[in-house]
Amino acid sequence: MTVKVPRERFEELVVAALDSLPRELGRQMRNVAVVVEDSSPDGLLGLYEGVPLTERGDWYSAVLPDRITIYRDPICEICDDEDDVVEEVRVTVIHEIAHHFGIDDARLHELGWA
């Protein structure tokens, strides 16, 4: 079942998920943009592109921001209602932010976020 969530509402859900992060965590995020796209390659729910904080060194300066993309259509396609969309957006945002902090999929799976 596909849930219909307008793009503006979906973007609000992404902002709410970001706002739900502990303040200390948000302060540590550096040079990263979070965007919403409708469709995704290979049915991904989210994608982190960039250099994780754990891999940045003195060489890291004057580079484009890292990018976290949250994909609306694939998330809506796997959810039964808007409450499910809210939860999946939150999980996906946290999952992709974890990559920004250098946490890989194996560790996220151990933690229950994959």
PDB file of N, CA and C in Angstrom:
ATOM      1  N   MET A   1       0.844  -1.185   0.000  1.00  0.00           N
ATOM      2  CA  MET A   1       0.000   0.000   0.000  1.00  0.00           C
ATOM      3  C   MET A   1       0.888   1.247   0.000  1.00  0.00           C
ATOM      4  N   THR A   2       0.585   2.172  -0.841  1.00  0.00           N
ATOM      5  CA  THR A   2       1.331   3.420  -0.911  1.00  0.00           C
ATOM      6  C   THR A   2       0.548   4.511  -0.192  1.00  0.00           C
ATOM      7  N   VAL A   3       1.217   5.198   0.711  1.00  0.00           N
ATOM      8  CA  VAL A   3       0.612   6.315   1.419  1.00  0.00           C
ATOM      9  C   VAL A   3       0.905   7.584   0.622  1.00  0.00           C
ATOM     10  N   LYS A   4      -0.100   8.404   0.464  1.00  0.00           N
ATOM     11  CA  LYS A   4       0.082   9.675  -0.246  1.00  0.00           C
ATOM     12  C   LYS A   4       0.435  10.756   0.783  1.00  0.00           C
ATOM     13  N   VAL A   5       1.669  11.202   0.748  1.00  0.00           N
ATOM     14  CA  VAL A   5       2.113  12.300   1.614  1.00  0.00           C
ATOM     15  C   VAL A   5       2.665  13.381   0.702  1.00  0.00           C
ATOM     16  N   PRO A   6       2.018  14.540   0.684  1.00  0.00           N
ATOM     17  CA  PRO A   6       2.507  15.626  -0.172  1.00  0.00           C
ATOM     18  C   PRO A   6       3.951  16.002   0.186  1.00  0.00           C
ATOM     19  N   ARG A   7       4.669  16.467  -0.804  1.00  0.00           N
ATOM     20  CA  ARG A   7       6.083  16.791  -0.606  1.00  0.00           C
ATOM     21  C   ARG A   7       6.296  17.773   0.546  1.00  0.00           C
ATOM     22  N   GLU A   8       5.481  18.813   0.623  1.00  0.00           N
ATOM     23  CA  GLU A   8       5.639  19.802   1.691  1.00  0.00           C
ATOM     24  C   GLU A   8       5.492  19.144   3.069  1.00  0.00           C
ATOM     25  N   ARG A   9       4.502  18.282   3.218  1.00  0.00           N
ATOM     26  CA  ARG A   9       4.302  17.575   4.490  1.00  0.00           C
ATOM     27  C   ARG A   9       5.476  16.651   4.767  1.00  0.00           C
ATOM     28  N   PHE A  10       5.963  15.956   3.747  1.00  0.00           N
ATOM     29  CA  PHE A  10       7.093  15.049   3.916  1.00  0.00           C
ATOM     30  C   PHE A  10       8.326  15.826   4.375  1.00  0.00           C
ATOM     31  N   GLU A  11       8.565  16.983   3.778  1.00  0.00           N
ATOM     32  CA  GLU A  11       9.699  17.819   4.186  1.00  0.00           C
ATOM     33  C   GLU A  11       9.559  18.240   5.647  1.00  0.00           C
ATOM     34  N   GLU A  12       8.334  18.522   6.089  1.00  0.00           N
ATOM     35  CA  GLU A  12       8.087  18.844   7.496  1.00  0.00           C
ATOM     36  C   GLU A  12       8.469  17.671   8.398  1.00  0.00           C
ATOM     37  N   LEU A  13       8.183  16.453   7.937  1.00  0.00           N
ATOM     38  CA  LEU A  13       8.527  15.264   8.723  1.00  0.00           C
ATOM     39  C   LEU A  13      10.043  15.108   8.842  1.00  0.00           C
ATOM     40  N   VAL A  14      10.754  15.413   7.767  1.00  0.00           N
ATOM     41  CA  VAL A  14      12.219  15.344   7.805  1.00  0.00           C
ATOM     42  C   VAL A  14      12.764  16.382   8.785  1.00  0.00           C
ATOM     43  N   VAL A  15      12.228  17.595   8.735  1.00  0.00           N
ATOM     44  CA  VAL A  15      12.656  18.647   9.666  1.00  0.00           C
ATOM     45  C   VAL A  15      12.355  18.223  11.108  1.00  0.00           C
ATOM     46  N   ALA A  16      11.189  17.646  11.335  1.00  0.00           N
ATOM     47  CA  ALA A  16      10.829  17.194  12.679  1.00  0.00           C
ATOM     48  C   ALA A  16      11.788  16.108  13.164  1.00  0.00           C
ATOM     49  N   ALA A  17      12.172  15.204  12.264  1.00  0.00           N
ATOM     50  CA  ALA A  17      13.127  14.145  12.638  1.00  0.00           C
ATOM     51  C   ALA A  17      14.468  14.763  13.002  1.00  0.00           C
ATOM     52  N   LEU A  18      14.915  15.741  12.236  1.00  0.00           N
ATOM     53  CA  LEU A  18      16.175  16.432  12.547  1.00  0.00           C
ATOM     54  C   LEU A  18      16.074  17.174  13.880  1.00  0.00           C
ATOM     55  N   ASP A  19      14.940  17.807  14.110  1.00  0.00           N
ATOM     56  CA  ASP A  19      14.740  18.552  15.353  1.00  0.00           C
ATOM     57  C   ASP A  19      14.663  17.636  16.571  1.00  0.00           C
ATOM     58  N   SER A  20      14.337  16.367  16.355  1.00  0.00           N
ATOM     59  CA  SER A  20      14.219  15.426  17.472  1.00  0.00           C
ATOM     60  C   SER A  20      15.577  14.899  17.947  1.00  0.00           C
ATOM     61  N   LEU A  21      16.624  15.183  17.180  1.00  0.00           N
ATOM     62  CA  LEU A  21      17.965  14.729  17.574  1.00  0.00           C
ATOM     63  C   LEU A  21      18.411  15.468  18.829  1.00  0.00           C
ATOM     64  N   PRO A  22      19.192  14.809  19.658  1.00  0.00           N
ATOM     65  CA  PRO A  22      19.751  15.525  20.812  1.00  0.00           C
ATOM     66  C   PRO A  22      20.551  16.728  20.337  1.00  0.00           C
ATOM     67  N   ARG A  23      20.406  17.826  21.038  1.00  0.00           N
ATOM     68  CA  ARG A  23      21.054  19.075  20.660  1.00  0.00           C
ATOM     69  C   ARG A  23      22.567  18.911  20.488  1.00  0.00           C
ATOM     70  N   GLU A  24      23.192  18.118  21.381  1.00  0.00           N
ATOM     71  CA  GLU A  24      24.641  17.918  21.317  1.00  0.00           C
ATOM     72  C   GLU A  24      25.045  17.254  20.000  1.00  0.00           C
ATOM     73  N   LEU A  25      24.227  16.324  19.546  1.00  0.00           N
ATOM     74  CA  LEU A  25      24.499  15.636  18.289  1.00  0.00           C
ATOM     75  C   LEU A  25      24.387  16.610  17.114  1.00  0.00           C
ATOM     76  N   GLY A  26      23.344  17.405  17.112  1.00  0.00           N
ATOM     77  CA  GLY A  26      23.152  18.377  16.049  1.00  0.00           C
ATOM     78  C   GLY A  26      24.293  19.372  15.957  1.00  0.00           C
ATOM     79  N   ARG A  27      24.837  19.764  17.094  1.00  0.00           N
ATOM     80  CA  ARG A  27      25.958  20.714  17.108  1.00  0.00           C
ATOM     81  C   ARG A  27      27.220  20.120  16.495  1.00  0.00           C
ATOM     82  N   GLN A  28      27.329  18.807  16.518  1.00  0.00           N
ATOM     83  CA  GLN A  28      28.530  18.155  15.995  1.00  0.00           C
ATOM     84  C   GLN A  28      28.461  17.916  14.488  1.00  0.00           C
ATOM     85  N   MET A  29      27.289  18.048  13.910  1.00  0.00           N
ATOM     86  CA  MET A  29      27.154  17.861  12.466  1.00  0.00           C
ATOM     87  C   MET A  29      27.812  19.030  11.756  1.00  0.00           C
ATOM     88  N   ARG A  30      28.723  18.728  10.840  1.00  0.00           N
ATOM     89  CA  ARG A  30      29.477  19.764  10.154  1.00  0.00           C
ATOM     90  C   ARG A  30      29.398  19.597   8.645  1.00  0.00           C
ATOM     91  N   ASN A  31      29.093  20.694   7.966  1.00  0.00           N
ATOM     92  CA  ASN A  31      29.146  20.738   6.511  1.00  0.00           C
ATOM     93  C   ASN A  31      28.308  19.626   5.875  1.00  0.00           C
ATOM     94  N   VAL A  32      27.032  19.564   6.254  1.00  0.00           N
ATOM     95  CA  VAL A  32      26.136  18.553   5.704  1.00  0.00           C
ATOM     96  C   VAL A  32      24.782  19.188   5.375  1.00  0.00           C
ATOM     97  N   ALA A  33      24.275  18.869   4.197  1.00  0.00           N
ATOM     98  CA  ALA A  33      22.961  19.338   3.765  1.00  0.00           C
ATOM     99  C   ALA A  33      22.008  18.143   3.736  1.00  0.00           C
ATOM    100  N   VAL A  34      20.792  18.357   4.185  1.00  0.00           N
ATOM    101  CA  VAL A  34      19.766  17.315   4.153  1.00  0.00           C
ATOM    102  C   VAL A  34      18.698  17.766   3.167  1.00  0.00           C
ATOM    103  N   VAL A  35      18.429  16.921   2.168  1.00  0.00           N
ATOM    104  CA  VAL A  35      17.478  17.265   1.122  1.00  0.00           C
ATOM    105  C   VAL A  35      16.478  16.124   0.931  1.00  0.00           C
ATOM    106  N   VAL A  36      15.356  16.464   0.326  1.00  0.00           N
ATOM    107  CA  VAL A  36      14.328  15.478  -0.011  1.00  0.00           C
ATOM    108  C   VAL A  36      14.244  15.371  -1.523  1.00  0.00           C
ATOM    109  N   GLU A  37      14.242  14.148  -2.008  1.00  0.00           N
ATOM    110  CA  GLU A  37      14.002  13.857  -3.426  1.00  0.00           C
ATOM    111  C   GLU A  37      12.804  12.917  -3.493  1.00  0.00           C
ATOM    112  N   ASP A  38      12.095  12.933  -4.615  1.00  0.00           N
ATOM    113  CA  ASP A  38      10.934  12.051  -4.735  1.00  0.00           C
ATOM    114  C   ASP A  38      11.333  10.602  -4.974  1.00  0.00           C
ATOM    115  N   SER A  39      12.095  10.351  -6.030  1.00  0.00           N
ATOM    116  CA  SER A  39      12.446   8.970  -6.358  1.00  0.00           C
ATOM    117  C   SER A  39      13.912   8.718  -6.067  1.00  0.00           C
ATOM    118  N   SER A  40      14.244   7.433  -5.963  1.00  0.00           N
ATOM    119  CA  SER A  40      15.617   7.082  -5.606  1.00  0.00           C
ATOM    120  C   SER A  40      16.170   6.016  -6.543  1.00  0.00           C
ATOM    121  N   PRO A  41      17.489   5.963  -6.604  1.00  0.00           N
ATOM    122  CA  PRO A  41      18.098   4.862  -7.349  1.00  0.00           C
ATOM    123  C   PRO A  41      17.939   3.572  -6.547  1.00  0.00           C
ATOM    124  N   ASP A  42      17.560   2.536  -7.186  1.00  0.00           N
ATOM    125  CA  ASP A  42      17.511   1.209  -6.557  1.00  0.00           C
ATOM    126  C   ASP A  42      16.594   1.128  -5.347  1.00  0.00           C
ATOM    127  N   GLY A  43      15.586   1.983  -5.259  1.00  0.00           N
ATOM    128  CA  GLY A  43      14.629   1.894  -4.168  1.00  0.00           C
ATOM    129  C   GLY A  43      15.166   2.270  -2.798  1.00  0.00           C
ATOM    130  N   LEU A  44      16.276   2.980  -2.751  1.00  0.00           N
ATOM    131  CA  LEU A  44      16.830   3.405  -1.466  1.00  0.00           C
ATOM    132  C   LEU A  44      15.855   4.327  -0.737  1.00  0.00           C
ATOM    133  N   LEU A  45      15.883   4.269   0.595  1.00  0.00           N
ATOM    134  CA  LEU A  45      15.068   5.171   1.405  1.00  0.00           C
ATOM    135  C   LEU A  45      15.831   6.452   1.714  1.00  0.00           C
ATOM    136  N   GLY A  46      17.154   6.317   1.818  1.00  0.00           N
ATOM    137  CA  GLY A  46      18.004   7.455   2.098  1.00  0.00           C
ATOM    138  C   GLY A  46      19.407   7.177   1.609  1.00  0.00           C
ATOM    139  N   LEU A  47      20.199   8.232   1.474  1.00  0.00           N
ATOM    140  CA  LEU A  47      21.563   8.075   0.988  1.00  0.00           C
ATOM    141  C   LEU A  47      22.447   9.158   1.599  1.00  0.00           C
ATOM    142  N   TYR A  48      23.589   8.725   2.128  1.00  0.00           N
ATOM    143  CA  TYR A  48      24.595   9.661   2.628  1.00  0.00           C
ATOM    144  C   TYR A  48      25.726   9.698   1.613  1.00  0.00           C
ATOM    145  N   GLU A  49      26.106  10.900   1.186  1.00  0.00           N
ATOM    146  CA  GLU A  49      27.223  11.089   0.271  1.00  0.00           C
ATOM    147  C   GLU A  49      28.158  12.119   0.887  1.00  0.00           C
ATOM    148  N   GLY A  50      29.396  11.711   1.125  1.00  0.00           N
ATOM    149  CA  GLY A  50      30.341  12.652   1.681  1.00  0.00           C
ATOM    150  C   GLY A  50      31.485  11.973   2.397  1.00  0.00           C
ATOM    151  N   VAL A  51      32.133  12.729   3.243  1.00  0.00           N
ATOM    152  CA  VAL A  51      33.266  12.248   4.028  1.00  0.00           C
ATOM    153  C   VAL A  51      32.830  12.227   5.490  1.00  0.00           C
ATOM    154  N   PRO A  52      32.706  11.041   6.089  1.00  0.00           N
ATOM    155  CA  PRO A  52      32.285  10.969   7.492  1.00  0.00           C
ATOM    156  C   PRO A  52      33.222  11.763   8.401  1.00  0.00           C
ATOM    157  N   LEU A  53      32.680  12.268   9.473  1.00  0.00           N
ATOM    158  CA  LEU A  53      33.474  13.060  10.417  1.00  0.00           C
ATOM    159  C   LEU A  53      34.701  12.301  10.894  1.00  0.00           C
ATOM    160  N   THR A  54      34.576  10.991  11.036  1.00  0.00           N
ATOM    161  CA  THR A  54      35.693  10.184  11.537  1.00  0.00           C
ATOM    162  C   THR A  54      36.833  10.066  10.534  1.00  0.00           C
ATOM    163  N   GLU A  55      36.605  10.447   9.278  1.00  0.00           N
ATOM    164  CA  GLU A  55      37.635  10.328   8.248  1.00  0.00           C
ATOM    165  C   GLU A  55      38.182  11.687   7.802  1.00  0.00           C
ATOM    166  N   ARG A  56      37.700  12.756   8.388  1.00  0.00           N
ATOM    167  CA  ARG A  56      38.159  14.088   8.011  1.00  0.00           C
ATOM    168  C   ARG A  56      39.458  14.397   8.736  1.00  0.00           C
ATOM    169  N   GLY A  57      40.359  15.011   8.017  1.00  0.00           N
ATOM    170  CA  GLY A  57      41.639  15.400   8.601  1.00  0.00           C
ATOM    171  C   GLY A  57      41.959  16.839   8.267  1.00  0.00           C
ATOM    172  N   ASP A  58      43.207  17.184   8.414  1.00  0.00           N
ATOM    173  CA  ASP A  58      43.642  18.551   8.128  1.00  0.00           C
ATOM    174  C   ASP A  58      43.395  18.931   6.669  1.00  0.00           C
ATOM    175  N   TRP A  59      43.364  17.938   5.792  1.00  0.00           N
ATOM    176  CA  TRP A  59      43.148  18.175   4.368  1.00  0.00           C
ATOM    177  C   TRP A  59      41.713  18.610   4.075  1.00  0.00           C
ATOM    178  N   TYR A  60      40.803  18.395   5.025  1.00  0.00           N
ATOM    179  CA  TYR A  60      39.389  18.652   4.789  1.00  0.00           C
ATOM    180  C   TYR A  60      39.067  20.130   5.001  1.00  0.00           C
ATOM    181  N   SER A  61      38.995  20.850   3.903  1.00  0.00           N
ATOM    182  CA  SER A  61      38.564  22.250   3.958  1.00  0.00           C
ATOM    183  C   SER A  61      38.110  22.667   2.566  1.00  0.00           C
ATOM    184  N   ALA A  62      37.259  23.636   2.530  1.00  0.00           N
ATOM    185  CA  ALA A  62      36.767  24.180   1.259  1.00  0.00           C
ATOM    186  C   ALA A  62      36.242  23.101   0.326  1.00  0.00           C
ATOM    187  N   VAL A  63      35.448  22.191   0.875  1.00  0.00           N
ATOM    188  CA  VAL A  63      34.822  21.158   0.056  1.00  0.00           C
ATOM    189  C   VAL A  63      33.312  21.358   0.082  1.00  0.00           C
ATOM    190  N   LEU A  64      32.663  20.794  -0.912  1.00  0.00           N
ATOM    191  CA  LEU A  64      31.207  20.857  -0.940  1.00  0.00           C
ATOM    192  C   LEU A  64      30.641  20.158   0.286  1.00  0.00           C
ATOM    193  N   PRO A  65      29.462  20.562   0.727  1.00  0.00           N
ATOM    194  CA  PRO A  65      28.884  19.896   1.900  1.00  0.00           C
ATOM    195  C   PRO A  65      28.566  18.432   1.605  1.00  0.00           C
ATOM    196  N   ASP A  66      28.642  17.618   2.648  1.00  0.00           N
ATOM    197  CA  ASP A  66      28.114  16.268   2.548  1.00  0.00           C
ATOM    198  C   ASP A  66      26.625  16.408   2.258  1.00  0.00           C
ATOM    199  N   ARG A  67      26.043  15.335   1.758  1.00  0.00           N
ATOM    200  CA  ARG A  67      24.632  15.396   1.378  1.00  0.00           C
ATOM    201  C   ARG A  67      23.920  14.161   1.911  1.00  0.00           C
ATOM    202  N   ILE A  68      22.841  14.400   2.615  1.00  0.00           N
ATOM    203  CA  ILE A  68      21.935  13.327   3.027  1.00  0.00           C
ATOM    204  C   ILE A  68      20.649  13.539   2.254  1.00  0.00           C
ATOM    205  N   THR A  69      20.277  12.528   1.488  1.00  0.00           N
ATOM    206  CA  THR A  69      19.043  12.598   0.711  1.00  0.00           C
ATOM    207  C   THR A  69      18.045  11.620   1.305  1.00  0.00           C
ATOM    208  N   ILE A  70      16.838  12.104   1.547  1.00  0.00           N
ATOM    209  CA  ILE A  70      15.746  11.265   2.031  1.00  0.00           C
ATOM    210  C   ILE A  70      14.748  11.165   0.879  1.00  0.00           C
ATOM    211  N   TYR A  71      14.410   9.927   0.505  1.00  0.00           N
ATOM    212  CA  TYR A  71      13.583   9.689  -0.682  1.00  0.00           C
ATOM    213  C   TYR A  71      12.122   9.459  -0.293  1.00  0.00           C
ATOM    214  N   ARG A  72      11.268  10.352  -0.755  1.00  0.00           N
ATOM    215  CA  ARG A  72       9.846  10.346  -0.381  1.00  0.00           C
ATOM    216  C   ARG A  72       9.083   9.142  -0.920  1.00  0.00           C
ATOM    217  N   ASP A  73       9.134   8.903  -2.219  1.00  0.00           N
ATOM    218  CA  ASP A  73       8.304   7.849  -2.806  1.00  0.00           C
ATOM    219  C   ASP A  73       8.594   6.460  -2.240  1.00  0.00           C
ATOM    220  N   PRO A  74       9.855   6.031  -2.161  1.00  0.00           N
ATOM    221  CA  PRO A  74      10.114   4.696  -1.607  1.00  0.00           C
ATOM    222  C   PRO A  74       9.660   4.544  -0.152  1.00  0.00           C
ATOM    223  N   ILE A  75       9.802   5.618   0.641  1.00  0.00           N
ATOM    224  CA  ILE A  75       9.334   5.539   2.031  1.00  0.00           C
ATOM    225  C   ILE A  75       7.817   5.410   2.059  1.00  0.00           C
ATOM    226  N   CYS A  76       7.129   6.231   1.272  1.00  0.00           N
ATOM    227  CA  CYS A  76       5.663   6.166   1.244  1.00  0.00           C
ATOM    228  C   CYS A  76       5.164   4.813   0.739  1.00  0.00           C
ATOM    229  N   GLU A  77       5.913   4.204  -0.170  1.00  0.00           N
ATOM    230  CA  GLU A  77       5.500   2.917  -0.735  1.00  0.00           C
ATOM    231  C   GLU A  77       5.537   1.775   0.271  1.00  0.00           C
ATOM    232  N   ILE A  78       6.380   1.850   1.279  1.00  0.00           N
ATOM    233  CA  ILE A  78       6.486   0.738   2.234  1.00  0.00           C
ATOM    234  C   ILE A  78       5.660   0.962   3.497  1.00  0.00           C
ATOM    235  N   CYS A  79       4.941   2.086   3.557  1.00  0.00           N
ATOM    236  CA  CYS A  79       4.194   2.412   4.767  1.00  0.00           C
ATOM    237  C   CYS A  79       2.690   2.222   4.559  1.00  0.00           C
ATOM    238  N   ASP A  80       1.997   1.918   5.674  1.00  0.00           N
ATOM    239  CA  ASP A  80       0.550   1.702   5.626  1.00  0.00           C
ATOM    240  C   ASP A  80      -0.257   2.955   5.923  1.00  0.00           C
ATOM    241  N   ASP A  81       0.333   3.891   6.680  1.00  0.00           N
ATOM    242  CA  ASP A  81      -0.369   5.121   7.018  1.00  0.00           C
ATOM    243  C   ASP A  81       0.655   6.203   7.354  1.00  0.00           C
ATOM    244  N   GLU A  82       0.173   7.409   7.612  1.00  0.00           N
ATOM    245  CA  GLU A  82       1.104   8.511   7.853  1.00  0.00           C
ATOM    246  C   GLU A  82       1.930   8.295   9.124  1.00  0.00           C
ATOM    247  N   ASP A  83       1.372   7.636  10.115  1.00  0.00           N
ATOM    248  CA  ASP A  83       2.161   7.345  11.319  1.00  0.00           C
ATOM    249  C   ASP A  83       3.375   6.494  10.980  1.00  0.00           C
ATOM    250  N   ASP A  84       3.191   5.523  10.083  1.00  0.00           N
ATOM    251  CA  ASP A  84       4.319   4.708   9.625  1.00  0.00           C
ATOM    252  C   ASP A  84       5.348   5.565   8.888  1.00  0.00           C
ATOM    253  N   VAL A  85       4.867   6.513   8.085  1.00  0.00           N
ATOM    254  CA  VAL A  85       5.776   7.399   7.351  1.00  0.00           C
ATOM    255  C   VAL A  85       6.596   8.227   8.334  1.00  0.00           C
ATOM    256  N   VAL A  86       5.938   8.763   9.367  1.00  0.00           N
ATOM    257  CA  VAL A  86       6.645   9.553  10.382  1.00  0.00           C
ATOM    258  C   VAL A  86       7.777   8.723  10.989  1.00  0.00           C
ATOM    259  N   GLU A  87       7.484   7.486  11.365  1.00  0.00           N
ATOM    260  CA  GLU A  87       8.494   6.627  11.990  1.00  0.00           C
ATOM    261  C   GLU A  87       9.601   6.248  11.012  1.00  0.00           C
ATOM    262  N   GLU A  88       9.238   5.926   9.775  1.00  0.00           N
ATOM    263  CA  GLU A  88      10.255   5.531   8.791  1.00  0.00           C
ATOM    264  C   GLU A  88      11.158   6.703   8.425  1.00  0.00           C
ATOM    265  N   VAL A  89      10.590   7.897   8.332  1.00  0.00           N
ATOM    266  CA  VAL A  89      11.411   9.087   8.071  1.00  0.00           C
ATOM    267  C   VAL A  89      12.411   9.260   9.203  1.00  0.00           C
ATOM    268  N   ARG A  90      11.947   9.138  10.438  1.00  0.00           N
ATOM    269  CA  ARG A  90      12.847   9.314  11.587  1.00  0.00           C
ATOM    270  C   ARG A  90      13.975   8.280  11.566  1.00  0.00           C
ATOM    271  N   VAL A  91      13.624   7.027  11.332  1.00  0.00           N
ATOM    272  CA  VAL A  91      14.630   5.963  11.285  1.00  0.00           C
ATOM    273  C   VAL A  91      15.617   6.218  10.151  1.00  0.00           C
ATOM    274  N   THR A  92      15.123   6.612   8.997  1.00  0.00           N
ATOM    275  CA  THR A  92      15.990   6.852   7.841  1.00  0.00           C
ATOM    276  C   THR A  92      16.913   8.043   8.078  1.00  0.00           C
ATOM    277  N   VAL A  93      16.378   9.109   8.636  1.00  0.00           N
ATOM    278  CA  VAL A  93      17.210  10.281   8.935  1.00  0.00           C
ATOM    279  C   VAL A  93      18.312   9.900   9.913  1.00  0.00           C
ATOM    280  N   ILE A  94      17.962   9.198  10.974  1.00  0.00           N
ATOM    281  CA  ILE A  94      18.964   8.787  11.968  1.00  0.00           C
ATOM    282  C   ILE A  94      20.000   7.865  11.336  1.00  0.00           C
ATOM    283  N   HIS A  95      19.555   6.939  10.499  1.00  0.00           N
ATOM    284  CA  HIS A  95      20.460   6.010   9.817  1.00  0.00           C
ATOM    285  C   HIS A  95      21.489   6.772   8.983  1.00  0.00           C
ATOM    286  N   GLU A  96      21.033   7.732   8.191  1.00  0.00           N
ATOM    287  CA  GLU A  96      21.942   8.477   7.318  1.00  0.00           C
ATOM    288  C   GLU A  96      22.851   9.413   8.115  1.00  0.00           C
ATOM    289  N   ILE A  97      22.343  10.012   9.166  1.00  0.00           N
ATOM    290  CA  ILE A  97      23.185  10.851  10.026  1.00  0.00           C
ATOM    291  C   ILE A  97      24.260   9.998  10.684  1.00  0.00           C
ATOM    292  N   ALA A  98      23.927   8.780  11.041  1.00  0.00           N
ATOM    293  CA  ALA A  98      24.929   7.877  11.627  1.00  0.00           C
ATOM    294  C   ALA A  98      26.087   7.674  10.658  1.00  0.00           C
ATOM    295  N   HIS A  99      25.794   7.559   9.366  1.00  0.00           N
ATOM    296  CA  HIS A  99      26.869   7.442   8.377  1.00  0.00           C
ATOM    297  C   HIS A  99      27.745   8.702   8.392  1.00  0.00           C
ATOM    298  N   HIS A 100      27.130   9.860   8.560  1.00  0.00           N
ATOM    299  CA  HIS A 100      27.887  11.112   8.655  1.00  0.00           C
ATOM    300  C   HIS A 100      28.870  11.054   9.830  1.00  0.00           C
ATOM    301  N   PHE A 101      28.474  10.356  10.887  1.00  0.00           N
ATOM    302  CA  PHE A 101      29.338  10.219  12.063  1.00  0.00           C
ATOM    303  C   PHE A 101      30.269   9.014  11.972  1.00  0.00           C
ATOM    304  N   GLY A 102      30.267   8.335  10.816  1.00  0.00           N
ATOM    305  CA  GLY A 102      31.213   7.242  10.608  1.00  0.00           C
ATOM    306  C   GLY A 102      30.730   5.878  11.061  1.00  0.00           C
ATOM    307  N   ILE A 103      29.449   5.717  11.318  1.00  0.00           N
ATOM    308  CA  ILE A 103      28.900   4.429  11.739  1.00  0.00           C
ATOM    309  C   ILE A 103      28.449   3.676  10.492  1.00  0.00           C
ATOM    310  N   ASP A 104      28.972   2.459  10.294  1.00  0.00           N
ATOM    311  CA  ASP A 104      28.655   1.702   9.083  1.00  0.00           C
ATOM    312  C   ASP A 104      27.370   0.882   9.251  1.00  0.00           C
ATOM    313  N   ASP A 105      26.911   0.286   8.136  1.00  0.00           N
ATOM    314  CA  ASP A 105      25.667  -0.476   8.143  1.00  0.00           C
ATOM    315  C   ASP A 105      25.704  -1.662   9.098  1.00  0.00           C
ATOM    316  N   ALA A 106      26.841  -2.324   9.210  1.00  0.00           N
ATOM    317  CA  ALA A 106      26.934  -3.471  10.118  1.00  0.00           C
ATOM    318  C   ALA A 106      26.650  -3.046  11.555  1.00  0.00           C
ATOM    319  N   ARG A 107      27.238  -1.944  11.972  1.00  0.00           N
ATOM    320  CA  ARG A 107      27.019  -1.447  13.341  1.00  0.00           C
ATOM    321  C   ARG A 107      25.587  -0.942  13.501  1.00  0.00           C
ATOM    322  N   LEU A 108      25.052  -0.290  12.496  1.00  0.00           N
ATOM    323  CA  LEU A 108      23.665   0.165  12.556  1.00  0.00           C
ATOM    324  C   LEU A 108      22.719  -1.021  12.685  1.00  0.00           C
ATOM    325  N   HIS A 109      23.029  -2.108  11.997  1.00  0.00           N
ATOM    326  CA  HIS A 109      22.213  -3.307  12.097  1.00  0.00           C
ATOM    327  C   HIS A 109      22.252  -3.847  13.526  1.00  0.00           C
ATOM    328  N   GLU A 110      23.434  -3.882  14.121  1.00  0.00           N
ATOM    329  CA  GLU A 110      23.568  -4.321  15.509  1.00  0.00           C
ATOM    330  C   GLU A 110      22.736  -3.459  16.460  1.00  0.00           C
ATOM    331  N   LEU A 111      22.670  -2.172  16.171  1.00  0.00           N
ATOM    332  CA  LEU A 111      21.945  -1.232  17.000  1.00  0.00           C
ATOM    333  C   LEU A 111      20.443  -1.182  16.706  1.00  0.00           C
ATOM    334  N   GLY A 112      20.016  -1.871  15.631  1.00  0.00           N
ATOM    335  CA  GLY A 112      18.604  -1.881  15.264  1.00  0.00           C
ATOM    336  C   GLY A 112      18.178  -0.715  14.395  1.00  0.00           C
ATOM    337  N   TRP A 113      19.117  -0.041  13.729  1.00  0.00           N
ATOM    338  CA  TRP A 113      18.798   1.116  12.878  1.00  0.00           C
ATOM    339  C   TRP A 113      19.048   0.822  11.405  1.00  0.00           C
ATOM    340  N   ALA A 114      19.166  -0.432  11.019  1.00  0.00           N
ATOM    341  CA  ALA A 114      19.401  -0.755   9.607  1.00  0.00           C
ATOM    342  C   ALA A 114      18.260  -1.550   9.033  1.00  0.00           C
TER     343      ALA A 114
END
